[in-house]
Amino acid sequence: MKFPRLPRFKRVSSVTPIQLTERDREIIRLLQRYRFLRSSQIVALLDSGAQPVLRRLQLLYHHGFLERPRAQIDYYHQGGSREIVYGLGNKGVRIVKADHSNSPRGLRWGEKNRKVGRLFLEHALLVSDIMVALELGCRKMEGMHLLAGDEVPLSGAAPRPHPFKWKVKVNGRVKLGIIPDQVFGLEKDEESPDRAPAMFFLEADRGTMPVVRKNLAQTSFHRKLLAYEATWNQGIHRTKFGFKRFRVLTVTTSAGRVDSLIDACSQLNSGHGLFLFTDAATLRAHGDIFTLPWKTGRKGEIVRLLD
């Protein structure tokens, strides 16, 4: 059955009426969790046939439950076939608000999602690529659970609703702020005296930031590394969040960029093993984020995610 030819980025009123199904609500919940997803990712997360899901995504967009960021238009001007990226529309946000108290704030999230810039969207999609890989990997690994968003366990010292934003002193004098792109935990379902999840701070590096700068007042990836190193050395992860340990996961744009980040990491005084690096193409090609060989901040050292 062929889909009707409808405009990609302009809603029309002459579409089939719909009643929300449980699968529709699951799509809305997925977009609340990840903000932006490619259509293929939604299909994979639903573990369903592609054509019925794509048809439903089309209807949910034209009825205002989902949004298609307009920054994608640039991709279609380049020719070829590309899958559509979705976010929540205003009606989808209302569904989330009705179901949960911890819903996105503001009444016009659909407008925000539609108008995001291309660089913001590409960064958000890299974060989604990693988090979806983690969720699908956990489904394949018996007894493994992904903890993300409000599922991340926190001590009482971490304020809601934005706990993962903190400052740390570097070299005893310079205060640096940290806001990870994502925070998640991996929890095993096995009985153990110590069932604390493995905690990770995620950095999705699009290669737009200089790796090293002479002045710590200027943004650089090396400055981020210093801030995470100080967070570990000063025990902020324990006192502020209640994490026994953590690692920093960085996915970047190329193998060459990975090597540059590792070079910067080697300049740290300590904590080289906290940092794990790979590039997006390697992650996609390997297919299993848990067996993927990650490079650490120690040159030549390779580990798996749960080592």
Protein backbone atom coordinates (compact mmCIF):
# COMPACT_ATOMS: atom_id res chain seq x y z
CA MET A 1 0.00 0.00 0.00
CA LYS A 2 1.47 3.36 -1.02
CA PHE A 3 1.45 6.32 1.34
CA PRO A 4 -0.45 9.40 0.14
CA ARG A 5 1.87 12.14 -1.10
CA LEU A 6 1.84 14.69 1.72
CA PRO A 7 4.22 17.61 2.28
CA ARG A 8 7.11 16.72 4.57
CA PHE A 9 7.31 19.95 6.54
CA LYS A 10 3.88 21.54 6.22
CA ARG A 11 0.83 20.11 7.93
CA VAL A 12 -2.38 19.52 6.02
CA SER A 13 -5.86 19.12 7.45
CA SER A 14 -7.10 16.60 4.89
CA VAL A 15 -5.61 13.53 6.58
CA THR A 16 -7.24 10.44 8.00
CA PRO A 17 -8.74 11.04 11.48
CA ILE A 18 -7.01 9.06 14.21
CA GLN A 19 -7.59 7.81 17.72
CA LEU A 20 -4.47 7.51 19.86
CA THR A 21 -3.38 3.93 20.43
CA GLU A 22 -1.03 2.55 23.06
CA ARG A 23 1.69 2.34 20.44
CA ASP A 24 1.15 6.05 19.65
CA ARG A 25 1.62 6.82 23.32
CA GLU A 26 4.78 4.74 23.37
CA ILE A 27 6.14 6.82 20.46
CA ILE A 28 5.35 9.98 22.42
CA ARG A 29 7.09 8.56 25.52
CA LEU A 30 10.18 7.70 23.46
CA LEU A 31 10.39 11.27 22.17
CA GLN A 32 9.96 12.62 25.68
CA ARG A 33 12.90 10.44 26.73
CA TYR A 34 15.22 11.24 23.80
CA ARG A 35 13.78 14.54 22.43
CA PHE A 36 14.77 13.77 18.80
CA LEU A 37 14.79 10.40 17.02
CA ARG A 38 15.18 9.22 13.45
CA SER A 39 12.28 7.21 12.08
CA SER A 40 14.47 4.08 11.90
CA GLN A 41 15.31 4.46 15.60
CA ILE A 42 11.62 4.65 16.50
CA VAL A 43 11.00 1.49 14.46
CA ALA A 44 13.88 -0.30 16.23
CA LEU A 45 12.78 0.79 19.71
CA LEU A 46 9.21 -0.33 19.03
CA ASP A 47 10.55 -3.63 17.64
CA SER A 48 7.90 -3.43 14.93
CA GLY A 49 7.53 -3.56 11.16
CA ALA A 50 8.72 -0.40 9.45
CA GLN A 51 5.84 0.45 7.10
CA PRO A 52 3.00 0.61 9.70
CA VAL A 53 5.18 2.71 12.01
CA LEU A 54 6.22 5.11 9.24
CA ARG A 55 2.57 5.53 8.24
CA ARG A 56 1.62 6.24 11.84
CA LEU A 57 4.45 8.75 12.28
CA GLN A 58 3.16 10.60 9.23
CA LEU A 59 -0.34 10.81 10.69
CA LEU A 60 0.88 11.81 14.16
CA TYR A 61 2.89 14.63 12.57
CA HIS A 62 0.01 15.99 10.49
CA HIS A 63 -2.30 15.82 13.53
CA GLY A 64 0.17 17.85 15.61
CA PHE A 65 1.31 15.18 18.07
CA LEU A 66 4.81 15.04 16.59
CA GLU A 67 7.11 17.66 15.08
CA ARG A 68 9.58 17.48 12.21
CA PRO A 69 12.45 19.95 12.80
CA ARG A 70 12.74 22.21 9.79
CA ALA A 71 16.55 22.12 9.95
CA GLN A 72 16.23 18.82 8.08
CA ILE A 73 15.16 20.64 4.94
CA ASP A 74 18.85 21.27 4.19
CA TYR A 75 19.44 17.52 3.96
CA TYR A 76 16.71 17.07 1.33
CA HIS A 77 18.17 19.86 -0.80
CA GLN A 78 21.30 17.71 -1.09
CA GLY A 79 19.34 15.03 -2.96
CA GLY A 80 18.86 11.36 -2.25
CA SER A 81 16.59 9.63 0.23
CA ARG A 82 16.82 10.50 3.93
CA GLU A 83 14.80 9.39 6.90
CA ILE A 84 12.83 11.99 8.83
CA VAL A 85 13.71 13.13 12.34
CA TYR A 86 10.89 13.59 14.85
CA GLY A 87 10.37 15.47 18.12
CA LEU A 88 7.32 16.16 20.26
CA GLY A 89 4.61 18.44 18.93
CA ASN A 90 2.37 20.56 21.13
CA LYS A 91 -0.36 17.91 21.27
CA GLY A 92 2.25 15.29 22.19
CA VAL A 93 3.45 17.49 25.04
CA ARG A 94 -0.11 17.73 26.33
CA ILE A 95 -0.32 13.93 26.37
CA VAL A 96 2.93 13.77 28.38
CA LYS A 97 1.64 16.42 30.80
CA ALA A 98 -1.56 14.47 31.33
CA ASP A 99 0.36 11.26 32.04
CA HIS A 100 3.29 12.59 34.09
CA SER A 101 4.09 15.48 36.37
CA ASN A 102 7.74 15.60 35.19
CA SER A 103 6.83 16.72 31.67
CA PRO A 104 8.54 19.27 29.43
CA ARG A 105 7.88 22.80 30.62
CA GLY A 106 6.20 25.43 28.49
CA LEU A 107 3.24 25.29 26.12
CA ARG A 108 5.09 25.70 22.82
CA TRP A 109 7.56 22.81 22.77
CA GLY A 110 6.40 21.94 19.29
CA GLU A 111 7.56 25.34 18.04
CA LYS A 112 10.91 24.92 19.81
CA ASN A 113 11.42 21.49 18.28
CA ARG A 114 10.43 22.72 14.82
CA LYS A 115 12.78 25.73 14.89
CA VAL A 116 15.96 24.20 16.33
CA GLY A 117 19.08 24.99 14.32
CA ARG A 118 20.99 22.45 12.29
CA LEU A 119 24.03 22.33 14.62
CA PHE A 120 21.83 21.84 17.68
CA LEU A 121 19.88 19.10 15.91
CA GLU A 122 23.03 17.26 14.77
CA HIS A 123 24.39 17.35 18.32
CA ALA A 124 21.08 16.14 19.79
CA LEU A 125 20.94 13.30 17.25
CA LEU A 126 24.45 12.17 18.17
CA VAL A 127 23.31 11.97 21.80
CA SER A 128 20.25 10.01 20.68
CA ASP A 129 22.39 7.65 18.57
CA ILE A 130 24.40 6.74 21.66
CA MET A 131 21.46 6.42 24.03
CA VAL A 132 19.43 4.32 21.59
CA ALA A 133 22.45 2.04 21.06
CA LEU A 134 22.60 1.62 24.83
CA GLU A 135 18.90 0.84 25.16
CA LEU A 136 18.92 -1.68 22.32
CA GLY A 137 22.12 -3.23 23.70
CA CYS A 138 20.52 -3.64 27.13
CA ARG A 139 17.56 -5.43 25.57
CA LYS A 140 19.92 -8.00 24.04
CA MET A 141 21.87 -8.47 27.27
CA GLU A 142 19.81 -10.44 29.76
CA GLY A 143 19.57 -8.78 33.16
CA MET A 144 20.97 -5.40 32.08
CA HIS A 145 18.97 -2.19 32.53
CA LEU A 146 19.58 1.32 31.26
CA LEU A 147 18.87 4.07 33.77
CA ALA A 148 18.39 7.48 32.16
CA GLY A 149 16.57 10.70 32.93
CA ASP A 150 14.62 10.52 36.17
CA GLU A 151 15.60 6.86 36.59
CA VAL A 152 19.17 7.88 37.52
CA PRO A 153 19.55 7.33 41.29
CA LEU A 154 20.58 10.48 43.16
CA SER A 155 21.46 11.45 46.69
CA GLY A 156 19.47 14.18 48.42
CA ALA A 157 22.26 16.68 47.76
CA ALA A 158 21.48 16.87 44.03
CA PRO A 159 18.71 19.41 43.36
CA ARG A 160 15.89 18.57 40.97
CA PRO A 161 14.95 19.22 38.20
CA HIS A 162 18.47 20.04 36.90
CA PRO A 163 20.89 18.12 39.14
CA PHE A 164 23.71 17.57 36.64
CA LYS A 165 25.12 21.06 36.50
CA TRP A 166 27.97 21.80 38.84
CA LYS A 167 31.20 23.76 39.31
CA VAL A 168 34.57 22.50 40.37
CA LYS A 169 37.86 24.16 41.28
CA VAL A 170 40.85 23.35 39.08
CA ASN A 171 44.39 24.01 40.28
CA GLY A 172 42.88 25.31 43.50
CA ARG A 173 41.79 28.59 41.94
CA VAL A 174 39.91 28.37 38.61
CA LYS A 175 36.22 27.46 38.79
CA LEU A 176 34.95 25.46 35.84
CA GLY A 177 31.34 24.54 35.15
CA ILE A 178 30.25 21.12 33.92
CA ILE A 179 27.01 20.15 32.17
CA PRO A 180 27.23 16.64 30.63
CA ASP A 181 25.26 16.02 27.46
CA GLN A 182 23.62 13.06 29.18
CA VAL A 183 23.93 11.06 32.40
CA PHE A 184 23.03 7.38 32.55
CA GLY A 185 23.55 4.23 34.56
CA LEU A 186 23.88 0.56 33.66
CA GLU A 187 22.42 -1.75 36.27
CA LYS A 188 22.71 -5.53 36.41
CA ASP A 189 19.76 -7.53 37.61
CA GLU A 190 21.88 -10.10 39.41
CA GLU A 191 21.90 -10.59 43.18
CA SER A 192 25.05 -9.06 44.61
CA PRO A 193 26.15 -7.34 47.83
CA ASP A 194 27.06 -4.31 45.69
CA ARG A 195 24.35 -3.68 43.10
CA ALA A 196 25.29 -0.04 42.55
CA PRO A 197 24.89 0.76 38.83
CA ALA A 198 27.87 1.75 36.70
CA MET A 199 27.44 5.49 36.14
CA PHE A 200 28.50 7.49 33.09
CA PHE A 201 28.67 11.11 32.01
CA LEU A 202 28.24 11.38 28.24
CA GLU A 203 29.97 13.88 25.97
CA ALA A 204 28.80 13.96 22.34
CA ASP A 205 31.61 15.84 20.62
CA ARG A 206 30.79 17.25 17.18
CA GLY A 207 34.34 18.51 16.66
CA THR A 208 33.33 22.18 16.80
CA MET A 209 35.25 22.95 20.02
CA PRO A 210 39.05 23.41 20.09
CA VAL A 211 40.80 20.48 21.76
CA VAL A 212 43.32 22.59 23.72
CA ARG A 213 43.65 26.32 24.42
CA LYS A 214 46.26 28.18 26.42
CA ASN A 215 43.69 30.03 28.55
CA LEU A 216 41.30 28.07 30.79
CA ALA A 217 38.84 30.95 30.52
CA GLN A 218 38.22 29.82 26.93
CA THR A 219 36.20 26.74 26.11
CA SER A 220 38.09 23.64 25.03
CA PHE A 221 37.73 19.89 25.35
CA HIS A 222 40.86 19.80 27.51
CA ARG A 223 39.08 22.11 29.95
CA LYS A 224 36.23 19.57 30.18
CA LEU A 225 38.73 16.81 30.90
CA LEU A 226 40.32 18.88 33.67
CA ALA A 227 36.91 19.52 35.22
CA TYR A 228 35.99 15.83 35.24
CA GLU A 229 39.41 14.93 36.65
CA ALA A 230 38.88 17.44 39.48
CA THR A 231 35.35 16.10 40.06
CA TRP A 232 36.84 12.64 40.65
CA ASN A 233 39.77 13.80 42.78
CA GLN A 234 37.55 15.96 44.99
CA GLY A 235 34.89 13.27 45.37
CA ILE A 236 32.10 15.50 44.07
CA HIS A 237 30.46 12.49 42.42
CA ARG A 238 30.00 10.96 45.89
CA THR A 239 29.02 14.04 47.89
CA LYS A 240 26.73 15.64 45.30
CA PHE A 241 25.23 12.68 43.42
CA GLY A 242 25.87 9.64 45.59
CA PHE A 243 27.80 7.84 42.82
CA LYS A 244 30.51 5.48 44.05
CA ARG A 245 32.35 5.83 40.75
CA PHE A 246 31.83 7.13 37.24
CA ARG A 247 33.33 7.18 33.77
CA VAL A 248 33.15 9.79 31.02
CA LEU A 249 32.03 8.42 27.66
CA THR A 250 32.98 10.52 24.63
CA VAL A 251 31.74 9.82 21.11
CA THR A 252 33.18 12.14 18.48
CA THR A 253 33.26 12.68 14.73
CA SER A 254 36.31 10.75 13.49
CA ALA A 255 39.15 8.43 14.45
CA GLY A 256 41.57 11.34 14.03
CA ARG A 257 39.57 13.44 16.47
CA VAL A 258 39.63 10.53 18.95
CA ASP A 259 43.45 10.52 18.80
CA SER A 260 43.53 14.29 19.41
CA LEU A 261 41.26 13.95 22.45
CA ILE A 262 43.42 11.15 23.84
CA ASP A 263 46.50 13.33 23.38
CA ALA A 264 44.78 16.03 25.42
CA CYS A 265 43.78 13.47 28.04
CA SER A 266 47.39 12.31 28.37
CA GLN A 267 48.25 15.80 29.68
CA LEU A 268 46.17 15.22 32.82
CA ASN A 269 47.99 14.42 36.05
CA SER A 270 45.63 11.54 36.91
CA GLY A 271 42.36 9.86 36.05
CA HIS A 272 43.24 8.74 32.53
CA GLY A 273 41.23 5.54 32.99
CA LEU A 274 38.06 7.54 33.69
CA PHE A 275 37.76 8.47 30.04
CA LEU A 276 36.51 6.28 27.18
CA PHE A 277 36.58 7.36 23.53
CA THR A 278 35.22 6.24 20.17
CA ASP A 279 33.85 7.84 17.01
CA ALA A 280 30.32 7.70 15.65
CA ALA A 281 31.20 5.75 12.49
CA THR A 282 32.95 3.03 14.53
CA LEU A 283 29.98 2.81 16.88
CA ARG A 284 27.53 2.40 13.98
CA ALA A 285 29.71 -0.12 12.14
CA HIS A 286 30.31 -2.31 15.20
CA GLY A 287 26.62 -2.55 16.06
CA ASP A 288 26.99 -3.62 19.73
CA ILE A 289 27.96 -0.89 22.14
CA PHE A 290 28.82 -3.40 24.87
CA THR A 291 31.37 -5.39 22.87
CA LEU A 292 32.76 -2.32 21.12
CA PRO A 293 36.46 -1.71 21.96
CA TRP A 294 36.72 1.73 23.60
CA LYS A 295 40.01 3.63 23.82
CA THR A 296 40.87 5.02 27.25
CA GLY A 297 42.84 8.14 28.12
CA ARG A 298 45.90 5.89 28.48
CA LYS A 299 47.41 5.65 25.02
CA GLY A 300 47.11 2.15 23.60
CA GLU A 301 44.68 0.87 26.25
CA ILE A 302 41.45 -0.77 25.02
CA VAL A 303 38.51 -1.72 27.23
CA ARG A 304 34.86 -2.74 26.94
CA LEU A 305 32.11 -0.56 28.39
CA LEU A 306 31.56 -2.68 31.48
CA ASP A 307 35.21 -3.64 32.18
